[in-house]
Amino acid sequence: MSDLKSKTCKPCAPGTPPLSRPQAVSLLAQLPGWSLNDTASEIVRTFKFKNYYETMAFVNALAWVAHREDHHPDIEVGYNRCHVRFSTHSIKGLSENDCICAAKINALLGE
C-alpha cells in the first residue's frame, strides 16, 4: 500500500473508469474520517473547528492544496465547520486523485 499523501494528482485519460466500490473501500482505509457515499461516487468528510477564524484558515489551506494538485473539491463552509466532497467530474465518479487530495487535506491537521 503506497502513501497517498506522497503522490500527486494526474489527469484522467479519456475513457478512464471510476474506481470500483472495492477499490474505493481499499483506498478509504488510508483516509481516517472520510466516508464513501451510497453510490461509491464520492468521498466526504466534515471538519469541525473552534471558531470562524480556524475554519477559514483551514479552507484557505485546503484551497492551496487543491490548487497545487489541480483537483478541486466541493466545499460547504459554516461558522465552525467545513464539509468537503471529492469526486472526479470528468469520469463521473471516484479516482485515485480524490483519495490523494483527501490524504493531503488530512495531513494539514496532522492526521
PDB file of N, CA and C in Angstrom:
ATOM      1  N   MET A   1       0.850  -1.174   0.000  1.00  0.00           N
ATOM      2  CA  MET A   1       0.000   0.000   0.000  1.00  0.00           C
ATOM      3  C   MET A   1       0.897   1.238   0.000  1.00  0.00           C
ATOM      4  N   SER A   2       0.737   2.099  -1.004  1.00  0.00           N
ATOM      5  CA  SER A   2       1.581   3.293  -1.067  1.00  0.00           C
ATOM      6  C   SER A   2       0.940   4.432  -0.280  1.00  0.00           C
ATOM      7  N   ASP A   3       1.768   5.368   0.089  1.00  0.00           N
ATOM      8  CA  ASP A   3       1.315   6.507   0.870  1.00  0.00           C
ATOM      9  C   ASP A   3       0.658   7.524  -0.061  1.00  0.00           C
ATOM     10  N   LEU A   4      -0.635   7.699   0.060  1.00  0.00           N
ATOM     11  CA  LEU A   4      -1.381   8.580  -0.833  1.00  0.00           C
ATOM     12  C   LEU A   4      -0.869  10.018  -0.780  1.00  0.00           C
ATOM     13  N   LYS A   5      -0.511  10.494   0.409  1.00  0.00           N
ATOM     14  CA  LYS A   5      -0.148  11.914   0.508  1.00  0.00           C
ATOM     15  C   LYS A   5       1.185  12.229  -0.158  1.00  0.00           C
ATOM     16  N   SER A   6       1.964  11.206  -0.511  1.00  0.00           N
ATOM     17  CA  SER A   6       3.226  11.451  -1.208  1.00  0.00           C
ATOM     18  C   SER A   6       3.049  11.439  -2.735  1.00  0.00           C
ATOM     19  N   LYS A   7       1.863  11.093  -3.189  1.00  0.00           N
ATOM     20  CA  LYS A   7       1.581  11.063  -4.628  1.00  0.00           C
ATOM     21  C   LYS A   7       1.091  12.431  -5.098  1.00  0.00           C
ATOM     22  N   THR A   8       1.054  12.603  -6.414  1.00  0.00           N
ATOM     23  CA  THR A   8       0.472  13.810  -6.992  1.00  0.00           C
ATOM     24  C   THR A   8      -0.635  13.410  -7.957  1.00  0.00           C
ATOM     25  N   CYS A   9      -1.594  14.284  -8.100  1.00  0.00           N
ATOM     26  CA  CYS A   9      -2.723  14.013  -8.995  1.00  0.00           C
ATOM     27  C   CYS A   9      -2.270  14.057 -10.446  1.00  0.00           C
ATOM     28  N   LYS A  10      -2.866  13.180 -11.235  1.00  0.00           N
ATOM     29  CA  LYS A  10      -2.594  13.119 -12.660  1.00  0.00           C
ATOM     30  C   LYS A  10      -3.931  13.170 -13.401  1.00  0.00           C
ATOM     31  N   PRO A  11      -3.979  13.888 -14.519  1.00  0.00           N
ATOM     32  CA  PRO A  11      -5.241  13.943 -15.271  1.00  0.00           C
ATOM     33  C   PRO A  11      -5.709  12.546 -15.673  1.00  0.00           C
ATOM     34  N   CYS A  12      -7.001  12.345 -15.619  1.00  0.00           N
ATOM     35  CA  CYS A  12      -7.580  11.064 -16.045  1.00  0.00           C
ATOM     36  C   CYS A  12      -7.709  11.075 -17.571  1.00  0.00           C
ATOM     37  N   ALA A  13      -7.171  10.056 -18.198  1.00  0.00           N
ATOM     38  CA  ALA A  13      -7.272   9.932 -19.650  1.00  0.00           C
ATOM     39  C   ALA A  13      -8.726   9.697 -20.051  1.00  0.00           C
ATOM     40  N   PRO A  14      -9.111  10.148 -21.239  1.00  0.00           N
ATOM     41  CA  PRO A  14     -10.476   9.878 -21.700  1.00  0.00           C
ATOM     42  C   PRO A  14     -10.778   8.383 -21.630  1.00  0.00           C
ATOM     43  N   GLY A  15     -11.951   8.066 -21.148  1.00  0.00           N
ATOM     44  CA  GLY A  15     -12.366   6.670 -21.034  1.00  0.00           C
ATOM     45  C   GLY A  15     -11.941   5.986 -19.750  1.00  0.00           C
ATOM     46  N   THR A  16     -11.240   6.709 -18.864  1.00  0.00           N
ATOM     47  CA  THR A  16     -10.835   6.128 -17.590  1.00  0.00           C
ATOM     48  C   THR A  16     -12.085   5.806 -16.774  1.00  0.00           C
ATOM     49  N   PRO A  17     -12.213   4.577 -16.308  1.00  0.00           N
ATOM     50  CA  PRO A  17     -13.396   4.248 -15.491  1.00  0.00           C
ATOM     51  C   PRO A  17     -13.208   4.747 -14.061  1.00  0.00           C
ATOM     52  N   PRO A  18     -14.304   5.055 -13.375  1.00  0.00           N
ATOM     53  CA  PRO A  18     -14.184   5.398 -11.955  1.00  0.00           C
ATOM     54  C   PRO A  18     -13.763   4.169 -11.145  1.00  0.00           C
ATOM     55  N   LEU A  19     -13.272   4.426  -9.950  1.00  0.00           N
ATOM     56  CA  LEU A  19     -12.909   3.324  -9.060  1.00  0.00           C
ATOM     57  C   LEU A  19     -14.132   2.464  -8.762  1.00  0.00           C
ATOM     58  N   SER A  20     -13.925   1.175  -8.663  1.00  0.00           N
ATOM     59  CA  SER A  20     -14.998   0.277  -8.236  1.00  0.00           C
ATOM     60  C   SER A  20     -15.193   0.450  -6.729  1.00  0.00           C
ATOM     61  N   ARG A  21     -16.293  -0.026  -6.203  1.00  0.00           N
ATOM     62  CA  ARG A  21     -16.516   0.053  -4.751  1.00  0.00           C
ATOM     63  C   ARG A  21     -15.379  -0.631  -3.981  1.00  0.00           C
ATOM     64  N   PRO A  22     -14.955  -1.857  -4.353  1.00  0.00           N
ATOM     65  CA  PRO A  22     -13.849  -2.477  -3.609  1.00  0.00           C
ATOM     66  C   PRO A  22     -12.548  -1.659  -3.670  1.00  0.00           C
ATOM     67  N   GLN A  23     -12.247  -1.071  -4.821  1.00  0.00           N
ATOM     68  CA  GLN A  23     -11.053  -0.228  -4.926  1.00  0.00           C
ATOM     69  C   GLN A  23     -11.189   0.995  -4.010  1.00  0.00           C
ATOM     70  N   ALA A  24     -12.360   1.616  -4.022  1.00  0.00           N
ATOM     71  CA  ALA A  24     -12.596   2.798  -3.193  1.00  0.00           C
ATOM     72  C   ALA A  24     -12.490   2.460  -1.709  1.00  0.00           C
ATOM     73  N   VAL A  25     -13.073   1.337  -1.312  1.00  0.00           N
ATOM     74  CA  VAL A  25     -13.019   0.911   0.092  1.00  0.00           C
ATOM     75  C   VAL A  25     -11.580   0.652   0.512  1.00  0.00           C
ATOM     76  N   SER A  26     -10.802   0.059  -0.368  1.00  0.00           N
ATOM     77  CA  SER A  26      -9.393  -0.206  -0.064  1.00  0.00           C
ATOM     78  C   SER A  26      -8.621   1.090   0.169  1.00  0.00           C
ATOM     79  N   LEU A  27      -8.814   2.080  -0.686  1.00  0.00           N
ATOM     80  CA  LEU A  27      -8.131   3.371  -0.515  1.00  0.00           C
ATOM     81  C   LEU A  27      -8.670   4.128   0.694  1.00  0.00           C
ATOM     82  N   LEU A  28      -9.952   3.997   0.942  1.00  0.00           N
ATOM     83  CA  LEU A  28     -10.576   4.690   2.078  1.00  0.00           C
ATOM     84  C   LEU A  28      -9.969   4.251   3.408  1.00  0.00           C
ATOM     85  N   ALA A  29      -9.437   3.050   3.453  1.00  0.00           N
ATOM     86  CA  ALA A  29      -8.786   2.562   4.675  1.00  0.00           C
ATOM     87  C   ALA A  29      -7.595   3.429   5.066  1.00  0.00           C
ATOM     88  N   GLN A  30      -7.054   4.184   4.108  1.00  0.00           N
ATOM     89  CA  GLN A  30      -5.931   5.080   4.375  1.00  0.00           C
ATOM     90  C   GLN A  30      -6.384   6.502   4.709  1.00  0.00           C
ATOM     91  N   LEU A  31      -7.686   6.724   4.799  1.00  0.00           N
ATOM     92  CA  LEU A  31      -8.220   8.075   4.949  1.00  0.00           C
ATOM     93  C   LEU A  31      -9.117   8.194   6.175  1.00  0.00           C
ATOM     94  N   PRO A  32      -8.520   8.311   7.363  1.00  0.00           N
ATOM     95  CA  PRO A  32      -9.328   8.429   8.577  1.00  0.00           C
ATOM     96  C   PRO A  32     -10.301   9.608   8.499  1.00  0.00           C
ATOM     97  N   GLY A  33     -11.540   9.344   8.898  1.00  0.00           N
ATOM     98  CA  GLY A  33     -12.549  10.391   8.949  1.00  0.00           C
ATOM     99  C   GLY A  33     -13.369  10.547   7.682  1.00  0.00           C
ATOM    100  N   TRP A  34     -12.920  10.007   6.582  1.00  0.00           N
ATOM    101  CA  TRP A  34     -13.637  10.125   5.313  1.00  0.00           C
ATOM    102  C   TRP A  34     -14.584   8.948   5.159  1.00  0.00           C
ATOM    103  N   SER A  35     -15.681   9.183   4.452  1.00  0.00           N
ATOM    104  CA  SER A  35     -16.618   8.095   4.185  1.00  0.00           C
ATOM    105  C   SER A  35     -17.021   8.115   2.717  1.00  0.00           C
ATOM    106  N   LEU A  36     -17.486   6.978   2.268  1.00  0.00           N
ATOM    107  CA  LEU A  36     -17.914   6.774   0.892  1.00  0.00           C
ATOM    108  C   LEU A  36     -19.425   6.948   0.834  1.00  0.00           C
ATOM    109  N   ASN A  37     -19.908   7.649  -0.181  1.00  0.00           N
ATOM    110  CA  ASN A  37     -21.366   7.787  -0.291  1.00  0.00           C
ATOM    111  C   ASN A  37     -21.983   6.466  -0.769  1.00  0.00           C
ATOM    112  N   ASP A  38     -23.299   6.409  -0.781  1.00  0.00           N
ATOM    113  CA  ASP A  38     -24.007   5.160  -1.092  1.00  0.00           C
ATOM    114  C   ASP A  38     -23.701   4.606  -2.480  1.00  0.00           C
ATOM    115  N   THR A  39     -23.445   5.489  -3.435  1.00  0.00           N
ATOM    116  CA  THR A  39     -23.200   5.031  -4.799  1.00  0.00           C
ATOM    117  C   THR A  39     -21.711   4.864  -5.112  1.00  0.00           C
ATOM    118  N   ALA A  40     -20.864   5.051  -4.117  1.00  0.00           N
ATOM    119  CA  ALA A  40     -19.399   4.956  -4.268  1.00  0.00           C
ATOM    120  C   ALA A  40     -18.878   5.931  -5.317  1.00  0.00           C
ATOM    121  N   SER A  41     -19.553   7.086  -5.442  1.00  0.00           N
ATOM    122  CA  SER A  41     -19.153   8.071  -6.448  1.00  0.00           C
ATOM    123  C   SER A  41     -18.432   9.269  -5.850  1.00  0.00           C
ATOM    124  N   GLU A  42     -18.396   9.363  -4.515  1.00  0.00           N
ATOM    125  CA  GLU A  42     -17.667  10.459  -3.874  1.00  0.00           C
ATOM    126  C   GLU A  42     -17.282  10.076  -2.452  1.00  0.00           C
ATOM    127  N   ILE A  43     -16.253  10.780  -1.950  1.00  0.00           N
ATOM    128  CA  ILE A  43     -15.879  10.645  -0.546  1.00  0.00           C
ATOM    129  C   ILE A  43     -16.165  11.979   0.134  1.00  0.00           C
ATOM    130  N   VAL A  44     -16.564  11.893   1.411  1.00  0.00           N
ATOM    131  CA  VAL A  44     -16.985  13.094   2.135  1.00  0.00           C
ATOM    132  C   VAL A  44     -16.417  13.097   3.548  1.00  0.00           C
ATOM    133  N   ARG A  45     -16.239  14.317   4.055  1.00  0.00           N
ATOM    134  CA  ARG A  45     -15.834  14.473   5.456  1.00  0.00           C
ATOM    135  C   ARG A  45     -16.234  15.861   5.911  1.00  0.00           C
ATOM    136  N   THR A  46     -16.706  15.945   7.160  1.00  0.00           N
ATOM    137  CA  THR A  46     -16.986  17.231   7.783  1.00  0.00           C
ATOM    138  C   THR A  46     -15.930  17.473   8.856  1.00  0.00           C
ATOM    139  N   PHE A  47     -15.260  18.604   8.748  1.00  0.00           N
ATOM    140  CA  PHE A  47     -14.243  19.013   9.706  1.00  0.00           C
ATOM    141  C   PHE A  47     -14.868  20.033  10.657  1.00  0.00           C
ATOM    142  N   LYS A  48     -14.585  19.913  11.947  1.00  0.00           N
ATOM    143  CA  LYS A  48     -15.126  20.823  12.970  1.00  0.00           C
ATOM    144  C   LYS A  48     -13.991  21.652  13.549  1.00  0.00           C
ATOM    145  N   PHE A  49     -14.289  22.918  13.848  1.00  0.00           N
ATOM    146  CA  PHE A  49     -13.303  23.846  14.391  1.00  0.00           C
ATOM    147  C   PHE A  49     -13.900  24.636  15.542  1.00  0.00           C
ATOM    148  N   LYS A  50     -13.040  25.350  16.268  1.00  0.00           N
ATOM    149  CA  LYS A  50     -13.489  26.122  17.432  1.00  0.00           C
ATOM    150  C   LYS A  50     -14.237  27.388  17.033  1.00  0.00           C
ATOM    151  N   ASN A  51     -13.851  27.971  15.896  1.00  0.00           N
ATOM    152  CA  ASN A  51     -14.424  29.271  15.538  1.00  0.00           C
ATOM    153  C   ASN A  51     -14.286  29.515  14.036  1.00  0.00           C
ATOM    154  N   TYR A  52     -14.792  30.645  13.615  1.00  0.00           N
ATOM    155  CA  TYR A  52     -14.788  31.011  12.204  1.00  0.00           C
ATOM    156  C   TYR A  52     -13.375  31.191  11.671  1.00  0.00           C
ATOM    157  N   TYR A  53     -12.511  31.827  12.453  1.00  0.00           N
ATOM    158  CA  TYR A  53     -11.143  32.062  12.016  1.00  0.00           C
ATOM    159  C   TYR A  53     -10.427  30.745  11.699  1.00  0.00           C
ATOM    160  N   GLU A  54     -10.524  29.770  12.586  1.00  0.00           N
ATOM    161  CA  GLU A  54      -9.882  28.473  12.344  1.00  0.00           C
ATOM    162  C   GLU A  54     -10.486  27.770  11.134  1.00  0.00           C
ATOM    163  N   THR A  55     -11.790  27.897  10.990  1.00  0.00           N
ATOM    164  CA  THR A  55     -12.457  27.293   9.835  1.00  0.00           C
ATOM    165  C   THR A  55     -11.924  27.895   8.539  1.00  0.00           C
ATOM    166  N   MET A  56     -11.853  29.217   8.489  1.00  0.00           N
ATOM    167  CA  MET A  56     -11.404  29.875   7.267  1.00  0.00           C
ATOM    168  C   MET A  56      -9.916  29.632   6.993  1.00  0.00           C
ATOM    169  N   ALA A  57      -9.108  29.537   8.034  1.00  0.00           N
ATOM    170  CA  ALA A  57      -7.694  29.211   7.846  1.00  0.00           C
ATOM    171  C   ALA A  57      -7.568  27.831   7.202  1.00  0.00           C
ATOM    172  N   PHE A  58      -8.369  26.884   7.668  1.00  0.00           N
ATOM    173  CA  PHE A  58      -8.374  25.541   7.091  1.00  0.00           C
ATOM    174  C   PHE A  58      -8.833  25.579   5.638  1.00  0.00           C
ATOM    175  N   VAL A  59      -9.907  26.315   5.357  1.00  0.00           N
ATOM    176  CA  VAL A  59     -10.425  26.402   3.989  1.00  0.00           C
ATOM    177  C   VAL A  59      -9.359  26.983   3.056  1.00  0.00           C
ATOM    178  N   ASN A  60      -8.651  27.996   3.505  1.00  0.00           N
ATOM    179  CA  ASN A  60      -7.602  28.578   2.671  1.00  0.00           C
ATOM    180  C   ASN A  60      -6.464  27.593   2.428  1.00  0.00           C
ATOM    181  N   ALA A  61      -6.082  26.846   3.451  1.00  0.00           N
ATOM    182  CA  ALA A  61      -5.034  25.829   3.282  1.00  0.00           C
ATOM    183  C   ALA A  61      -5.514  24.724   2.340  1.00  0.00           C
ATOM    184  N   LEU A  62      -6.759  24.304   2.498  1.00  0.00           N
ATOM    185  CA  LEU A  62      -7.355  23.299   1.613  1.00  0.00           C
ATOM    186  C   LEU A  62      -7.354  23.805   0.172  1.00  0.00           C
ATOM    187  N   ALA A  63      -7.712  25.061  -0.021  1.00  0.00           N
ATOM    188  CA  ALA A  63      -7.745  25.643  -1.368  1.00  0.00           C
ATOM    189  C   ALA A  63      -6.350  25.635  -1.997  1.00  0.00           C
ATOM    190  N   TRP A  64      -5.321  25.898  -1.200  1.00  0.00           N
ATOM    191  CA  TRP A  64      -3.952  25.891  -1.700  1.00  0.00           C
ATOM    192  C   TRP A  64      -3.568  24.480  -2.156  1.00  0.00           C
ATOM    193  N   VAL A  65      -3.893  23.478  -1.349  1.00  0.00           N
ATOM    194  CA  VAL A  65      -3.603  22.085  -1.718  1.00  0.00           C
ATOM    195  C   VAL A  65      -4.336  21.724  -3.008  1.00  0.00           C
ATOM    196  N   ALA A  66      -5.612  22.048  -3.079  1.00  0.00           N
ATOM    197  CA  ALA A  66      -6.409  21.722  -4.262  1.00  0.00           C
ATOM    198  C   ALA A  66      -5.841  22.410  -5.507  1.00  0.00           C
ATOM    199  N   HIS A  67      -5.420  23.646  -5.360  1.00  0.00           N
ATOM    200  CA  HIS A  67      -4.842  24.375  -6.489  1.00  0.00           C
ATOM    201  C   HIS A  67      -3.533  23.718  -6.940  1.00  0.00           C
ATOM    202  N   ARG A  68      -2.674  23.364  -5.990  1.00  0.00           N
ATOM    203  CA  ARG A  68      -1.391  22.723  -6.317  1.00  0.00           C
ATOM    204  C   ARG A  68      -1.600  21.382  -7.027  1.00  0.00           C
ATOM    205  N   GLU A  69      -2.639  20.655  -6.634  1.00  0.00           N
ATOM    206  CA  GLU A  69      -2.928  19.349  -7.244  1.00  0.00           C
ATOM    207  C   GLU A  69      -3.811  19.479  -8.488  1.00  0.00           C
ATOM    208  N   ASP A  70      -4.354  20.665  -8.714  1.00  0.00           N
ATOM    209  CA  ASP A  70      -5.300  20.906  -9.809  1.00  0.00           C
ATOM    210  C   ASP A  70      -6.456  19.907  -9.764  1.00  0.00           C
ATOM    211  N   HIS A  71      -6.941  19.709  -8.550  1.00  0.00           N
ATOM    212  CA  HIS A  71      -8.076  18.797  -8.317  1.00  0.00           C
ATOM    213  C   HIS A  71      -8.910  19.403  -7.190  1.00  0.00           C
ATOM    214  N   HIS A  72     -10.116  19.803  -7.502  1.00  0.00           N
ATOM    215  CA  HIS A  72     -10.870  20.681  -6.614  1.00  0.00           C
ATOM    216  C   HIS A  72     -12.128  20.024  -6.047  1.00  0.00           C
ATOM    217  N   PRO A  73     -12.303  20.125  -4.735  1.00  0.00           N
ATOM    218  CA  PRO A  73     -13.484  19.543  -4.096  1.00  0.00           C
ATOM    219  C   PRO A  73     -14.672  20.498  -4.121  1.00  0.00           C
ATOM    220  N   ASP A  74     -15.813  19.977  -3.758  1.00  0.00           N
ATOM    221  CA  ASP A  74     -16.968  20.815  -3.431  1.00  0.00           C
ATOM    222  C   ASP A  74     -16.881  21.074  -1.937  1.00  0.00           C
ATOM    223  N   ILE A  75     -17.026  22.333  -1.547  1.00  0.00           N
ATOM    224  CA  ILE A  75     -16.835  22.731  -0.151  1.00  0.00           C
ATOM    225  C   ILE A  75     -18.053  23.511   0.324  1.00  0.00           C
ATOM    226  N   GLU A  76     -18.543  23.156   1.515  1.00  0.00           N
ATOM    227  CA  GLU A  76     -19.601  23.927   2.182  1.00  0.00           C
ATOM    228  C   GLU A  76     -19.020  24.406   3.507  1.00  0.00           C
ATOM    229  N   VAL A  77     -19.102  25.711   3.749  1.00  0.00           N
ATOM    230  CA  VAL A  77     -18.470  26.297   4.924  1.00  0.00           C
ATOM    231  C   VAL A  77     -19.511  26.936   5.823  1.00  0.00           C
ATOM    232  N   GLY A  78     -19.382  26.697   7.118  1.00  0.00           N
ATOM    233  CA  GLY A  78     -20.191  27.345   8.135  1.00  0.00           C
ATOM    234  C   GLY A  78     -19.270  27.951   9.177  1.00  0.00           C
ATOM    235  N   TYR A  79     -19.830  28.505  10.203  1.00  0.00           N
ATOM    236  CA  TYR A  79     -19.055  29.200  11.236  1.00  0.00           C
ATOM    237  C   TYR A  79     -17.909  28.338  11.777  1.00  0.00           C
ATOM    238  N   ASN A  80     -18.214  27.108  12.167  1.00  0.00           N
ATOM    239  CA  ASN A  80     -17.184  26.261  12.783  1.00  0.00           C
ATOM    240  C   ASN A  80     -17.094  24.875  12.142  1.00  0.00           C
ATOM    241  N   ARG A  81     -17.445  24.809  10.859  1.00  0.00           N
ATOM    242  CA  ARG A  81     -17.378  23.512  10.175  1.00  0.00           C
ATOM    243  C   ARG A  81     -17.092  23.718   8.697  1.00  0.00           C
ATOM    244  N   CYS A  82     -16.530  22.677   8.113  1.00  0.00           N
ATOM    245  CA  CYS A  82     -16.257  22.667   6.681  1.00  0.00           C
ATOM    246  C   CYS A  82     -16.565  21.266   6.170  1.00  0.00           C
ATOM    247  N   HIS A  83     -17.514  21.170   5.271  1.00  0.00           N
ATOM    248  CA  HIS A  83     -17.919  19.891   4.682  1.00  0.00           C
ATOM    249  C   HIS A  83     -17.260  19.795   3.304  1.00  0.00           C
ATOM    250  N   VAL A  84     -16.483  18.730   3.089  1.00  0.00           N
ATOM    251  CA  VAL A  84     -15.704  18.577   1.860  1.00  0.00           C
ATOM    252  C   VAL A  84     -16.152  17.312   1.130  1.00  0.00           C
ATOM    253  N   ARG A  85     -16.355  17.445  -0.176  1.00  0.00           N
ATOM    254  CA  ARG A  85     -16.738  16.311  -1.020  1.00  0.00           C
ATOM    255  C   ARG A  85     -15.782  16.238  -2.209  1.00  0.00           C
ATOM    256  N   PHE A  86     -15.193  15.076  -2.404  1.00  0.00           N
ATOM    257  CA  PHE A  86     -14.323  14.850  -3.558  1.00  0.00           C
ATOM    258  C   PHE A  86     -14.957  13.838  -4.491  1.00  0.00           C
ATOM    259  N   SER A  87     -14.938  14.159  -5.766  1.00  0.00           N
ATOM    260  CA  SER A  87     -15.361  13.279  -6.842  1.00  0.00           C
ATOM    261  C   SER A  87     -14.671  13.793  -8.100  1.00  0.00           C
ATOM    262  N   THR A  88     -14.410  12.931  -9.043  1.00  0.00           N
ATOM    263  CA  THR A  88     -13.772  13.360 -10.285  1.00  0.00           C
ATOM    264  C   THR A  88     -14.856  13.517 -11.343  1.00  0.00           C
ATOM    265  N   HIS A  89     -15.181  14.763 -11.628  1.00  0.00           N
ATOM    266  CA  HIS A  89     -16.312  15.058 -12.515  1.00  0.00           C
ATOM    267  C   HIS A  89     -16.102  14.500 -13.930  1.00  0.00           C
ATOM    268  N   SER A  90     -14.851  14.507 -14.412  1.00  0.00           N
ATOM    269  CA  SER A  90     -14.597  14.059 -15.787  1.00  0.00           C
ATOM    270  C   SER A  90     -14.877  12.574 -15.993  1.00  0.00           C
ATOM    271  N   ILE A  91     -14.843  11.778 -14.920  1.00  0.00           N
ATOM    272  CA  ILE A  91     -15.140  10.343 -15.057  1.00  0.00           C
ATOM    273  C   ILE A  91     -16.440   9.961 -14.335  1.00  0.00           C
ATOM    274  N   LYS A  92     -17.105  10.978 -13.796  1.00  0.00           N
ATOM    275  CA  LYS A  92     -18.396  10.778 -13.112  1.00  0.00           C
ATOM    276  C   LYS A  92     -18.303   9.759 -11.974  1.00  0.00           C
ATOM    277  N   GLY A  93     -17.267   9.903 -11.159  1.00  0.00           N
ATOM    278  CA  GLY A  93     -17.084   9.008 -10.025  1.00  0.00           C
ATOM    279  C   GLY A  93     -15.757   9.273  -9.342  1.00  0.00           C
ATOM    280  N   LEU A  94     -15.315   8.310  -8.578  1.00  0.00           N
ATOM    281  CA  LEU A  94     -14.075   8.457  -7.821  1.00  0.00           C
ATOM    282  C   LEU A  94     -12.857   8.057  -8.635  1.00  0.00           C
ATOM    283  N   SER A  95     -11.772   8.784  -8.400  1.00  0.00           N
ATOM    284  CA  SER A  95     -10.471   8.403  -8.948  1.00  0.00           C
ATOM    285  C   SER A  95      -9.469   8.422  -7.800  1.00  0.00           C
ATOM    286  N   GLU A  96      -8.289   7.901  -8.055  1.00  0.00           N
ATOM    287  CA  GLU A  96      -7.246   7.955  -7.044  1.00  0.00           C
ATOM    288  C   GLU A  96      -6.937   9.407  -6.669  1.00  0.00           C
ATOM    289  N   ASN A  97      -7.113  10.336  -7.610  1.00  0.00           N
ATOM    290  CA  ASN A  97      -6.869  11.753  -7.328  1.00  0.00           C
ATOM    291  C   ASN A  97      -7.680  12.246  -6.132  1.00  0.00           C
ATOM    292  N   ASP A  98      -8.916  11.796  -6.023  1.00  0.00           N
ATOM    293  CA  ASP A  98      -9.766  12.197  -4.895  1.00  0.00           C
ATOM    294  C   ASP A  98      -9.148  11.746  -3.579  1.00  0.00           C
ATOM    295  N   CYS A  99      -8.634  10.546  -3.561  1.00  0.00           N
ATOM    296  CA  CYS A  99      -8.037   9.995  -2.342  1.00  0.00           C
ATOM    297  C   CYS A  99      -6.704  10.657  -2.020  1.00  0.00           C
ATOM    298  N   ILE A 100      -5.938  10.983  -3.054  1.00  0.00           N
ATOM    299  CA  ILE A 100      -4.677  11.704  -2.851  1.00  0.00           C
ATOM    300  C   ILE A 100      -4.953  13.037  -2.176  1.00  0.00           C
ATOM    301  N   CYS A 101      -5.920  13.772  -2.696  1.00  0.00           N
ATOM    302  CA  CYS A 101      -6.243  15.080  -2.113  1.00  0.00           C
ATOM    303  C   CYS A 101      -6.795  14.941  -0.699  1.00  0.00           C
ATOM    304  N   ALA A 102      -7.633  13.969  -0.463  1.00  0.00           N
ATOM    305  CA  ALA A 102      -8.163  13.751   0.887  1.00  0.00           C
ATOM    306  C   ALA A 102      -7.033  13.465   1.864  1.00  0.00           C
ATOM    307  N   ALA A 103      -6.053  12.671   1.451  1.00  0.00           N
ATOM    308  CA  ALA A 103      -4.911  12.360   2.320  1.00  0.00           C
ATOM    309  C   ALA A 103      -4.110  13.626   2.616  1.00  0.00           C
ATOM    310  N   LYS A 104      -3.944  14.477   1.632  1.00  0.00           N
ATOM    311  CA  LYS A 104      -3.204  15.726   1.834  1.00  0.00           C
ATOM    312  C   LYS A 104      -3.981  16.694   2.734  1.00  0.00           C
ATOM    313  N   ILE A 105      -5.297  16.678   2.623  1.00  0.00           N
ATOM    314  CA  ILE A 105      -6.134  17.514   3.499  1.00  0.00           C
ATOM    315  C   ILE A 105      -6.013  17.009   4.934  1.00  0.00           C
ATOM    316  N   ASN A 106      -6.065  15.698   5.134  1.00  0.00           N
ATOM    317  CA  ASN A 106      -5.869  15.138   6.485  1.00  0.00           C
ATOM    318  C   ASN A 106      -4.512  15.556   7.040  1.00  0.00           C
ATOM    319  N   ALA A 107      -3.490  15.563   6.195  1.00  0.00           N
ATOM    320  CA  ALA A 107      -2.136  15.915   6.652  1.00  0.00           C
ATOM    321  C   ALA A 107      -2.064  17.358   7.147  1.00  0.00           C
ATOM    322  N   LEU A 108      -2.928  18.229   6.639  1.00  0.00           N
ATOM    323  CA  LEU A 108      -2.965  19.615   7.136  1.00  0.00           C
ATOM    324  C   LEU A 108      -3.233  19.648   8.647  1.00  0.00           C
ATOM    325  N   LEU A 109      -3.976  18.653   9.115  1.00  0.00           N
ATOM    326  CA  LEU A 109      -4.349  18.587  10.536  1.00  0.00           C
ATOM    327  C   LEU A 109      -3.496  17.578  11.301  1.00  0.00           C
ATOM    328  N   GLY A 110      -2.439  17.130  10.671  1.00  0.00           N
ATOM    329  CA  GLY A 110      -1.534  16.188  11.333  1.00  0.00           C
ATOM    330  C   GLY A 110      -2.066  14.779  11.416  1.00  0.00           C
ATOM    331  N   GLU A 111      -2.993  14.439  10.553  1.00  0.00           N
ATOM    332  CA  GLU A 111      -3.588  13.087  10.544  1.00  0.00           C
ATOM    333  C   GLU A 111      -2.933  12.214   9.505  1.00  0.00           C
TER     334      GLU A 111
END
